[in-house]
Amino acid sequence: MNVKIFTLLGMIVLFAWSCGSDSPKVNVSENAVVQESDGTFSLNLDDAACYSDAENPESNTAEWKVVVSEPGTYKVWLSSATRDTTDLRYINSVRISLSDKLIEVDPAIDRVVLDSKEVSLPYYRADSYAGSFYFSEPGEYSIQVISEKILPKEAMNTSREESIDTKLVSVILTPLTR
């Protein structure tokens, strides 16, 4: 009888201890982007850490920290604001990197989003499928995009904007479902 009571008491103590212990937590950067309820990431250029070079614009860079809660494969889409829905006019290919994986793509218009809140007339949002990334485990990752269409904010606040046909506005990652 004492053995049963001791065993039962031990199980209660073990259960109480396991419920109160902290599970491992991921360190998250202050400006990290978290997934939306549907698993999508919307990486807006306004929220990125950006670097731009007026003399070498093809090296303009945007970088985000993302917090992945659900590992898996995610489709990568580039969203551009464009005046011409038949030609995005990217001069160089766009490079998107995650850890040691690199996607290099010449953006083409795969879909036009007419009622986008990201852009306003005279621009339309045009999305280009770029490829996919695989996240093997939950955690914080860094995603970097390099393109001449990453324009500095100063360029967008001047009269020069009238001559800009296309600009990158965001990167969207959507979970691949079966």
N, C-alpha and C. Protein backbone atom coordinates (compact mmCIF):
# COMPACT_ATOMS: atom_id res chain seq x y z
N MET A 1 0.81 -1.18 0.00
CA MET A 1 0.00 0.00 0.00
C MET A 1 0.87 1.27 0.00
N ASN A 2 1.94 1.24 0.80
CA ASN A 2 2.84 2.39 0.86
C ASN A 2 3.49 2.64 -0.50
N VAL A 3 3.78 1.57 -1.23
CA VAL A 3 4.40 1.70 -2.54
C VAL A 3 3.45 2.41 -3.50
N LYS A 4 2.17 2.08 -3.46
CA LYS A 4 1.18 2.72 -4.34
C LYS A 4 1.05 4.20 -4.00
N ILE A 5 0.99 4.53 -2.74
CA ILE A 5 0.87 5.93 -2.33
C ILE A 5 2.12 6.70 -2.74
N PHE A 6 3.29 6.09 -2.50
CA PHE A 6 4.56 6.74 -2.86
C PHE A 6 4.63 6.95 -4.38
N THR A 7 4.22 5.97 -5.15
CA THR A 7 4.23 6.07 -6.61
C THR A 7 3.26 7.16 -7.09
N LEU A 8 2.05 7.17 -6.51
CA LEU A 8 1.06 8.17 -6.87
C LEU A 8 1.54 9.58 -6.51
N LEU A 9 2.12 9.74 -5.32
CA LEU A 9 2.64 11.03 -4.89
C LEU A 9 3.79 11.47 -5.81
N GLY A 10 4.64 10.54 -6.18
CA GLY A 10 5.75 10.84 -7.10
C GLY A 10 5.26 11.29 -8.46
N MET A 11 4.21 10.66 -8.96
CA MET A 11 3.65 11.04 -10.27
C MET A 11 3.03 12.43 -10.21
N ILE A 12 2.35 12.77 -9.09
CA ILE A 12 1.75 14.09 -8.94
C ILE A 12 2.84 15.16 -8.90
N VAL A 13 3.91 14.92 -8.15
CA VAL A 13 5.02 15.87 -8.08
C VAL A 13 5.67 16.03 -9.45
N LEU A 14 5.90 14.94 -10.15
CA LEU A 14 6.50 14.99 -11.49
C LEU A 14 5.61 15.76 -12.47
N PHE A 15 4.30 15.51 -12.42
CA PHE A 15 3.36 16.21 -13.29
C PHE A 15 3.36 17.71 -13.00
N ALA A 16 3.29 18.07 -11.73
CA ALA A 16 3.29 19.49 -11.34
C ALA A 16 4.59 20.17 -11.76
N TRP A 17 5.70 19.49 -11.60
CA TRP A 17 6.99 20.06 -11.99
C TRP A 17 7.07 20.26 -13.50
N SER A 18 6.60 19.27 -14.29
CA SER A 18 6.69 19.37 -15.74
C SER A 18 5.77 20.46 -16.29
N CYS A 19 4.63 20.70 -15.66
CA CYS A 19 3.73 21.75 -16.12
C CYS A 19 4.29 23.14 -15.82
N GLY A 20 5.05 23.26 -14.76
CA GLY A 20 5.58 24.56 -14.37
C GLY A 20 6.89 24.90 -15.03
N SER A 21 7.54 23.95 -15.67
CA SER A 21 8.85 24.25 -16.26
C SER A 21 8.68 25.04 -17.56
N ASP A 22 9.65 25.88 -17.83
CA ASP A 22 9.62 26.67 -19.05
C ASP A 22 10.07 25.82 -20.22
N SER A 23 9.32 25.93 -21.33
CA SER A 23 9.74 25.26 -22.55
C SER A 23 10.81 26.13 -23.20
N PRO A 24 11.68 25.55 -24.02
CA PRO A 24 12.71 26.37 -24.67
C PRO A 24 12.08 27.45 -25.52
N LYS A 25 12.63 28.66 -25.42
CA LYS A 25 12.10 29.79 -26.16
C LYS A 25 13.13 30.28 -27.17
N VAL A 26 12.64 30.76 -28.29
CA VAL A 26 13.50 31.29 -29.34
C VAL A 26 13.74 32.76 -29.04
N ASN A 27 15.00 33.19 -29.10
CA ASN A 27 15.29 34.61 -28.97
C ASN A 27 14.83 35.31 -30.23
N VAL A 28 14.02 36.36 -30.06
CA VAL A 28 13.43 37.05 -31.20
C VAL A 28 13.94 38.49 -31.22
N SER A 29 14.40 38.93 -32.38
CA SER A 29 14.85 40.31 -32.55
C SER A 29 13.67 41.26 -32.42
N GLU A 30 13.99 42.48 -32.08
CA GLU A 30 12.95 43.49 -31.84
C GLU A 30 12.08 43.74 -33.07
N ASN A 31 12.66 43.81 -34.26
CA ASN A 31 11.91 44.13 -35.48
C ASN A 31 11.57 42.91 -36.31
N ALA A 32 11.59 41.73 -35.71
CA ALA A 32 11.33 40.51 -36.46
C ALA A 32 9.87 40.45 -36.91
N VAL A 33 9.67 39.89 -38.11
CA VAL A 33 8.34 39.73 -38.68
C VAL A 33 7.84 38.34 -38.30
N VAL A 34 6.63 38.27 -37.75
CA VAL A 34 6.04 36.99 -37.38
C VAL A 34 4.99 36.60 -38.41
N GLN A 35 4.67 35.33 -38.44
CA GLN A 35 3.70 34.82 -39.39
C GLN A 35 2.30 35.32 -39.08
N GLU A 36 1.53 35.51 -40.14
CA GLU A 36 0.12 35.85 -39.98
C GLU A 36 -0.63 34.57 -39.61
N SER A 37 -1.89 34.67 -39.26
CA SER A 37 -2.66 33.51 -38.80
C SER A 37 -2.74 32.40 -39.85
N ASP A 38 -2.68 32.75 -41.14
CA ASP A 38 -2.74 31.73 -42.20
C ASP A 38 -1.35 31.18 -42.55
N GLY A 39 -0.31 31.60 -41.81
CA GLY A 39 1.04 31.11 -42.05
C GLY A 39 1.86 31.95 -43.01
N THR A 40 1.26 32.99 -43.58
CA THR A 40 1.92 33.85 -44.57
C THR A 40 2.83 34.87 -43.90
N PHE A 41 3.90 35.22 -44.58
CA PHE A 41 4.76 36.34 -44.19
C PHE A 41 4.60 37.43 -45.23
N SER A 42 4.38 38.66 -44.81
CA SER A 42 4.36 39.81 -45.70
C SER A 42 5.52 40.70 -45.30
N LEU A 43 6.56 40.69 -46.10
CA LEU A 43 7.77 41.44 -45.81
C LEU A 43 7.77 42.72 -46.63
N ASN A 44 7.25 43.79 -46.01
CA ASN A 44 7.15 45.08 -46.70
C ASN A 44 8.49 45.78 -46.70
N LEU A 45 8.80 46.40 -47.82
CA LEU A 45 10.07 47.11 -47.95
C LEU A 45 10.21 48.22 -46.91
N ASP A 46 9.09 48.84 -46.54
CA ASP A 46 9.14 49.90 -45.53
C ASP A 46 9.64 49.39 -44.17
N ASP A 47 9.47 48.10 -43.90
CA ASP A 47 9.87 47.52 -42.62
C ASP A 47 11.25 46.88 -42.66
N ALA A 48 11.92 46.92 -43.80
CA ALA A 48 13.21 46.26 -43.97
C ALA A 48 14.36 47.16 -43.56
N ALA A 49 15.46 46.51 -43.23
CA ALA A 49 16.73 47.23 -43.10
C ALA A 49 17.26 47.34 -44.52
N CYS A 50 17.44 48.56 -45.01
CA CYS A 50 17.80 48.76 -46.41
C CYS A 50 19.17 49.41 -46.57
N TYR A 51 19.81 49.06 -47.67
CA TYR A 51 21.06 49.67 -48.08
C TYR A 51 20.90 50.02 -49.55
N SER A 52 21.23 51.25 -49.92
CA SER A 52 21.15 51.62 -51.33
C SER A 52 22.41 52.36 -51.74
N ASP A 53 22.79 52.14 -52.99
CA ASP A 53 24.00 52.73 -53.55
C ASP A 53 23.61 53.42 -54.85
N ALA A 54 23.65 54.75 -54.87
CA ALA A 54 23.24 55.51 -56.05
C ALA A 54 24.11 55.20 -57.26
N GLU A 55 25.39 54.89 -57.04
CA GLU A 55 26.30 54.61 -58.16
C GLU A 55 26.21 53.17 -58.65
N ASN A 56 25.72 52.28 -57.80
CA ASN A 56 25.64 50.86 -58.15
C ASN A 56 24.29 50.32 -57.64
N PRO A 57 23.18 50.77 -58.24
CA PRO A 57 21.86 50.41 -57.70
C PRO A 57 21.53 48.91 -57.76
N GLU A 58 22.23 48.16 -58.61
CA GLU A 58 21.94 46.71 -58.66
C GLU A 58 22.36 46.00 -57.38
N SER A 59 23.08 46.69 -56.48
CA SER A 59 23.45 46.10 -55.20
C SER A 59 22.56 46.59 -54.06
N ASN A 60 21.47 47.32 -54.37
CA ASN A 60 20.55 47.76 -53.33
C ASN A 60 19.98 46.54 -52.61
N THR A 61 19.93 46.62 -51.29
CA THR A 61 19.59 45.45 -50.48
C THR A 61 18.53 45.78 -49.46
N ALA A 62 17.64 44.82 -49.23
CA ALA A 62 16.65 44.88 -48.15
C ALA A 62 16.77 43.58 -47.36
N GLU A 63 16.66 43.70 -46.03
CA GLU A 63 16.80 42.51 -45.19
C GLU A 63 15.77 42.54 -44.08
N TRP A 64 15.21 41.36 -43.81
CA TRP A 64 14.23 41.19 -42.74
C TRP A 64 14.64 40.02 -41.87
N LYS A 65 14.26 40.07 -40.62
CA LYS A 65 14.34 38.93 -39.71
C LYS A 65 12.91 38.38 -39.64
N VAL A 66 12.76 37.08 -39.81
CA VAL A 66 11.44 36.46 -39.73
C VAL A 66 11.46 35.37 -38.67
N VAL A 67 10.33 35.21 -38.00
CA VAL A 67 10.20 34.18 -36.98
C VAL A 67 9.26 33.11 -37.52
N VAL A 68 9.81 31.95 -37.79
CA VAL A 68 9.05 30.84 -38.34
C VAL A 68 8.54 29.98 -37.19
N SER A 69 7.22 29.83 -37.10
CA SER A 69 6.65 28.98 -36.06
C SER A 69 6.29 27.61 -36.61
N GLU A 70 6.03 27.53 -37.91
CA GLU A 70 5.70 26.25 -38.55
C GLU A 70 6.73 25.93 -39.63
N PRO A 71 7.59 24.94 -39.39
CA PRO A 71 8.57 24.57 -40.42
C PRO A 71 7.85 24.04 -41.67
N GLY A 72 8.53 24.10 -42.79
CA GLY A 72 7.96 23.60 -44.03
C GLY A 72 8.47 24.38 -45.22
N THR A 73 7.85 24.14 -46.36
CA THR A 73 8.21 24.80 -47.61
C THR A 73 7.28 25.99 -47.82
N TYR A 74 7.87 27.11 -48.22
CA TYR A 74 7.13 28.34 -48.46
C TYR A 74 7.42 28.85 -49.86
N LYS A 75 6.36 29.19 -50.60
CA LYS A 75 6.52 29.83 -51.90
C LYS A 75 6.96 31.27 -51.68
N VAL A 76 7.84 31.75 -52.55
CA VAL A 76 8.35 33.12 -52.46
C VAL A 76 7.82 33.92 -53.64
N TRP A 77 7.15 35.04 -53.32
CA TRP A 77 6.59 35.94 -54.32
C TRP A 77 7.21 37.32 -54.15
N LEU A 78 7.54 37.96 -55.24
CA LEU A 78 7.98 39.35 -55.23
C LEU A 78 6.79 40.20 -55.65
N SER A 79 6.50 41.23 -54.90
CA SER A 79 5.42 42.16 -55.26
C SER A 79 6.04 43.47 -55.70
N SER A 80 5.65 43.90 -56.87
CA SER A 80 6.17 45.15 -57.43
C SER A 80 5.02 46.11 -57.67
N ALA A 81 5.30 47.40 -57.51
CA ALA A 81 4.37 48.44 -57.93
C ALA A 81 4.81 48.83 -59.33
N THR A 82 3.90 48.74 -60.28
CA THR A 82 4.26 49.01 -61.67
C THR A 82 3.17 49.82 -62.36
N ARG A 83 3.62 50.59 -63.33
CA ARG A 83 2.67 51.35 -64.16
C ARG A 83 2.26 50.52 -65.37
N ASP A 84 3.13 49.59 -65.76
CA ASP A 84 2.92 48.78 -66.97
C ASP A 84 2.70 47.33 -66.55
N THR A 85 1.51 46.82 -66.71
CA THR A 85 1.21 45.44 -66.29
C THR A 85 1.60 44.40 -67.34
N THR A 86 2.37 44.81 -68.34
CA THR A 86 2.88 43.84 -69.32
C THR A 86 4.38 43.65 -69.21
N ASP A 87 5.09 44.60 -68.57
CA ASP A 87 6.54 44.53 -68.48
C ASP A 87 7.01 45.22 -67.20
N LEU A 88 7.70 44.48 -66.33
CA LEU A 88 8.17 45.04 -65.07
C LEU A 88 9.44 45.87 -65.22
N ARG A 89 10.17 45.65 -66.28
CA ARG A 89 11.38 46.42 -66.59
C ARG A 89 12.48 46.28 -65.53
N TYR A 90 12.64 45.08 -65.02
CA TYR A 90 13.81 44.81 -64.17
C TYR A 90 15.00 44.66 -65.09
N ILE A 91 16.08 45.36 -64.83
CA ILE A 91 17.27 45.28 -65.67
C ILE A 91 18.09 44.05 -65.31
N ASN A 92 18.26 43.81 -64.02
CA ASN A 92 19.05 42.68 -63.54
C ASN A 92 18.14 41.68 -62.82
N SER A 93 18.62 40.46 -62.69
CA SER A 93 17.85 39.48 -61.94
C SER A 93 17.85 39.85 -60.46
N VAL A 94 16.84 39.40 -59.75
CA VAL A 94 16.69 39.66 -58.32
C VAL A 94 17.24 38.45 -57.58
N ARG A 95 18.04 38.71 -56.54
CA ARG A 95 18.62 37.64 -55.73
C ARG A 95 17.97 37.67 -54.35
N ILE A 96 17.46 36.51 -53.94
CA ILE A 96 16.81 36.37 -52.64
C ILE A 96 17.56 35.26 -51.91
N SER A 97 18.03 35.57 -50.69
CA SER A 97 18.80 34.56 -49.97
C SER A 97 18.24 34.30 -48.59
N LEU A 98 18.36 33.05 -48.19
CA LEU A 98 18.00 32.57 -46.87
C LEU A 98 19.08 31.59 -46.47
N SER A 99 19.85 31.93 -45.44
CA SER A 99 20.97 31.10 -44.99
C SER A 99 21.87 30.80 -46.18
N ASP A 100 22.01 29.52 -46.53
CA ASP A 100 22.89 29.15 -47.64
C ASP A 100 22.12 28.90 -48.94
N LYS A 101 20.83 29.20 -48.98
CA LYS A 101 20.02 29.00 -50.18
C LYS A 101 19.84 30.33 -50.90
N LEU A 102 20.01 30.33 -52.21
CA LEU A 102 19.88 31.53 -53.03
C LEU A 102 18.91 31.27 -54.17
N ILE A 103 17.97 32.17 -54.33
CA ILE A 103 17.06 32.15 -55.49
C ILE A 103 17.45 33.35 -56.34
N GLU A 104 17.66 33.12 -57.61
CA GLU A 104 17.93 34.21 -58.55
C GLU A 104 16.87 34.14 -59.65
N VAL A 105 16.15 35.23 -59.86
CA VAL A 105 15.01 35.21 -60.77
C VAL A 105 14.92 36.51 -61.54
N ASP A 106 14.48 36.40 -62.79
CA ASP A 106 14.12 37.57 -63.60
C ASP A 106 12.60 37.71 -63.46
N PRO A 107 12.14 38.67 -62.66
CA PRO A 107 10.70 38.77 -62.37
C PRO A 107 9.85 38.95 -63.62
N ALA A 108 8.81 38.15 -63.68
CA ALA A 108 7.80 38.26 -64.74
C ALA A 108 6.45 38.41 -64.02
N ILE A 109 5.48 38.94 -64.69
CA ILE A 109 4.18 39.14 -64.07
C ILE A 109 3.40 37.84 -64.10
N ASP A 110 3.18 37.27 -62.92
CA ASP A 110 2.39 36.04 -62.81
C ASP A 110 0.94 36.35 -62.42
N ARG A 111 0.75 37.45 -61.70
CA ARG A 111 -0.61 37.87 -61.37
C ARG A 111 -0.60 39.37 -61.07
N VAL A 112 -1.70 40.01 -61.43
CA VAL A 112 -1.89 41.43 -61.15
C VAL A 112 -2.98 41.54 -60.09
N VAL A 113 -2.69 42.29 -59.04
CA VAL A 113 -3.64 42.47 -57.95
C VAL A 113 -4.20 43.89 -58.08
N LEU A 114 -5.47 43.99 -58.46
CA LEU A 114 -6.06 45.29 -58.75
C LEU A 114 -6.43 46.08 -57.50
N ASP A 115 -6.89 45.43 -56.46
CA ASP A 115 -7.37 46.13 -55.27
C ASP A 115 -6.37 46.08 -54.12
N SER A 116 -5.09 46.18 -54.42
CA SER A 116 -4.07 46.10 -53.39
C SER A 116 -4.01 47.37 -52.56
N LYS A 117 -3.87 47.20 -51.26
CA LYS A 117 -3.72 48.35 -50.36
C LYS A 117 -2.27 48.83 -50.31
N GLU A 118 -1.35 48.03 -50.86
CA GLU A 118 0.07 48.38 -50.84
C GLU A 118 0.44 49.48 -51.83
N VAL A 119 -0.31 49.60 -52.91
CA VAL A 119 0.02 50.58 -53.95
C VAL A 119 -1.21 51.40 -54.29
N SER A 120 -0.95 52.57 -54.85
CA SER A 120 -2.07 53.41 -55.28
C SER A 120 -1.80 53.89 -56.70
N LEU A 121 -2.85 54.33 -57.36
CA LEU A 121 -2.72 54.78 -58.74
C LEU A 121 -1.68 55.88 -58.84
N PRO A 122 -0.89 55.89 -59.85
CA PRO A 122 -1.00 55.21 -61.14
C PRO A 122 -0.35 53.82 -61.16
N TYR A 123 -0.05 53.26 -59.98
CA TYR A 123 0.61 51.95 -59.93
C TYR A 123 -0.40 50.82 -59.71
N TYR A 124 -0.01 49.64 -60.16
CA TYR A 124 -0.73 48.40 -59.90
C TYR A 124 0.26 47.45 -59.25
N ARG A 125 -0.26 46.54 -58.44
CA ARG A 125 0.62 45.54 -57.84
C ARG A 125 0.71 44.34 -58.76
N ALA A 126 1.93 43.97 -59.09
CA ALA A 126 2.19 42.80 -59.92
C ALA A 126 3.05 41.83 -59.12
N ASP A 127 2.61 40.58 -58.99
CA ASP A 127 3.34 39.57 -58.23
C ASP A 127 4.07 38.63 -59.18
N SER A 128 5.29 38.30 -58.78
CA SER A 128 6.14 37.41 -59.57
C SER A 128 6.54 36.24 -58.69
N TYR A 129 6.28 35.02 -59.16
CA TYR A 129 6.70 33.84 -58.42
C TYR A 129 8.21 33.69 -58.57
N ALA A 130 8.92 33.52 -57.44
CA ALA A 130 10.38 33.45 -57.48
C ALA A 130 10.93 32.06 -57.20
N GLY A 131 10.21 31.23 -56.49
CA GLY A 131 10.71 29.91 -56.11
C GLY A 131 10.19 29.55 -54.74
N SER A 132 10.97 28.76 -53.99
CA SER A 132 10.53 28.37 -52.65
C SER A 132 11.72 28.19 -51.72
N PHE A 133 11.44 28.34 -50.44
CA PHE A 133 12.42 28.10 -49.38
C PHE A 133 11.86 27.04 -48.45
N TYR A 134 12.78 26.24 -47.89
CA TYR A 134 12.39 25.24 -46.90
C TYR A 134 12.97 25.64 -45.55
N PHE A 135 12.11 25.74 -44.55
CA PHE A 135 12.53 26.01 -43.18
C PHE A 135 12.44 24.68 -42.43
N SER A 136 13.58 24.18 -41.97
CA SER A 136 13.61 22.85 -41.36
C SER A 136 13.11 22.83 -39.92
N GLU A 137 13.18 23.96 -39.24
CA GLU A 137 12.72 24.00 -37.85
C GLU A 137 12.26 25.42 -37.49
N PRO A 138 11.47 25.54 -36.43
CA PRO A 138 11.05 26.87 -36.00
C PRO A 138 12.25 27.69 -35.57
N GLY A 139 12.13 29.00 -35.66
CA GLY A 139 13.21 29.88 -35.22
C GLY A 139 13.24 31.17 -36.00
N GLU A 140 14.27 31.95 -35.75
CA GLU A 140 14.44 33.23 -36.43
C GLU A 140 15.42 33.06 -37.59
N TYR A 141 15.05 33.61 -38.73
CA TYR A 141 15.86 33.54 -39.94
C TYR A 141 16.00 34.93 -40.53
N SER A 142 17.04 35.10 -41.34
CA SER A 142 17.27 36.35 -42.03
C SER A 142 17.05 36.13 -43.53
N ILE A 143 16.22 36.98 -44.13
CA ILE A 143 15.95 36.92 -45.57
C ILE A 143 16.45 38.22 -46.18
N GLN A 144 17.21 38.10 -47.27
CA GLN A 144 17.81 39.26 -47.91
C GLN A 144 17.44 39.27 -49.39
N VAL A 145 17.12 40.46 -49.90
CA VAL A 145 16.79 40.64 -51.32
C VAL A 145 17.72 41.71 -51.88
N ILE A 146 18.27 41.44 -53.07
CA ILE A 146 19.16 42.39 -53.73
C ILE A 146 18.58 42.68 -55.12
N SER A 147 18.34 43.98 -55.38
CA SER A 147 17.75 44.38 -56.66
C SER A 147 17.87 45.88 -56.86
N GLU A 148 17.97 46.29 -58.13
CA GLU A 148 17.99 47.72 -58.44
C GLU A 148 16.62 48.35 -58.22
N LYS A 149 15.57 47.55 -58.06
CA LYS A 149 14.22 48.07 -57.84
C LYS A 149 13.91 48.29 -56.36
N ILE A 150 14.91 48.09 -55.50
CA ILE A 150 14.79 48.49 -54.10
C ILE A 150 15.25 49.94 -54.06
N LEU A 151 14.30 50.83 -53.97
CA LEU A 151 14.61 52.25 -54.08
C LEU A 151 14.68 52.89 -52.70
N PRO A 152 15.62 53.81 -52.51
CA PRO A 152 15.69 54.49 -51.22
C PRO A 152 14.45 55.35 -51.00
N LYS A 153 14.07 55.52 -49.74
CA LYS A 153 12.87 56.30 -49.43
C LYS A 153 12.97 57.73 -49.95
N GLU A 154 14.19 58.30 -49.99
CA GLU A 154 14.35 59.66 -50.51
C GLU A 154 13.90 59.74 -51.96
N ALA A 155 14.15 58.70 -52.74
CA ALA A 155 13.77 58.71 -54.16
C ALA A 155 12.26 58.70 -54.32
N MET A 156 11.57 58.12 -53.34
CA MET A 156 10.12 58.02 -53.43
C MET A 156 9.44 59.32 -52.99
N ASN A 157 10.16 60.18 -52.33
CA ASN A 157 9.57 61.42 -51.82
C ASN A 157 9.94 62.64 -52.66
N THR A 158 10.38 62.42 -53.87
CA THR A 158 10.77 63.53 -54.74
C THR A 158 9.96 63.48 -56.02
N SER A 159 10.13 64.47 -56.84
CA SER A 159 9.42 64.50 -58.13
C SER A 159 9.96 63.42 -59.07
N ARG A 160 11.10 62.83 -58.71
CA ARG A 160 11.68 61.76 -59.53
C ARG A 160 10.75 60.55 -59.60
N GLU A 161 9.87 60.39 -58.61
CA GLU A 161 8.96 59.24 -58.59
C GLU A 161 8.12 59.17 -59.87
N GLU A 162 7.84 60.30 -60.47
CA GLU A 162 7.06 60.31 -61.70
C GLU A 162 7.74 59.54 -62.82
N SER A 163 9.07 59.41 -62.76
CA SER A 163 9.79 58.69 -63.81
C SER A 163 10.03 57.23 -63.46
N ILE A 164 9.61 56.80 -62.28
CA ILE A 164 9.83 55.41 -61.85
C ILE A 164 8.68 54.55 -62.36
N ASP A 165 9.02 53.58 -63.20
CA ASP A 165 8.01 52.69 -63.76
C ASP A 165 7.67 51.53 -62.83
N THR A 166 8.71 50.99 -62.16
CA THR A 166 8.52 49.82 -61.31
C THR A 166 9.39 49.94 -60.07
N LYS A 167 8.84 49.52 -58.95
CA LYS A 167 9.60 49.48 -57.69
C LYS A 167 9.16 48.25 -56.91
N LEU A 168 10.08 47.64 -56.22
CA LEU A 168 9.78 46.49 -55.38
C LEU A 168 9.09 46.99 -54.12
N VAL A 169 7.97 46.38 -53.74
CA VAL A 169 7.27 46.83 -52.53
C VAL A 169 7.27 45.80 -51.40
N SER A 170 7.33 44.52 -51.76
CA SER A 170 7.31 43.51 -50.70
C SER A 170 7.73 42.14 -51.23
N VAL A 171 8.02 41.28 -50.27
CA VAL A 171 8.24 39.86 -50.54
C VAL A 171 7.21 39.11 -49.71
N ILE A 172 6.54 38.17 -50.32
CA ILE A 172 5.50 37.41 -49.63
C ILE A 172 5.89 35.94 -49.63
N LEU A 173 5.83 35.33 -48.46
CA LEU A 173 6.08 33.90 -48.34
C LEU A 173 4.77 33.23 -47.93
N THR A 174 4.34 32.25 -48.71
CA THR A 174 3.11 31.54 -48.41
C THR A 174 3.42 30.07 -48.20
N PRO A 175 2.83 29.47 -47.15
CA PRO A 175 3.12 28.06 -46.89
C PRO A 175 2.58 27.18 -48.01
N LEU A 176 3.36 26.19 -48.37
CA LEU A 176 2.95 25.23 -49.38
C LEU A 176 2.06 24.20 -48.71
N THR A 177 0.84 24.03 -49.20
CA THR A 177 -0.07 23.07 -48.63
C THR A 177 -0.29 21.94 -49.61
N ARG A 178 -0.63 20.81 -49.06
CA ARG A 178 -0.86 19.63 -49.92
C ARG A 178 -2.31 19.46 -50.19
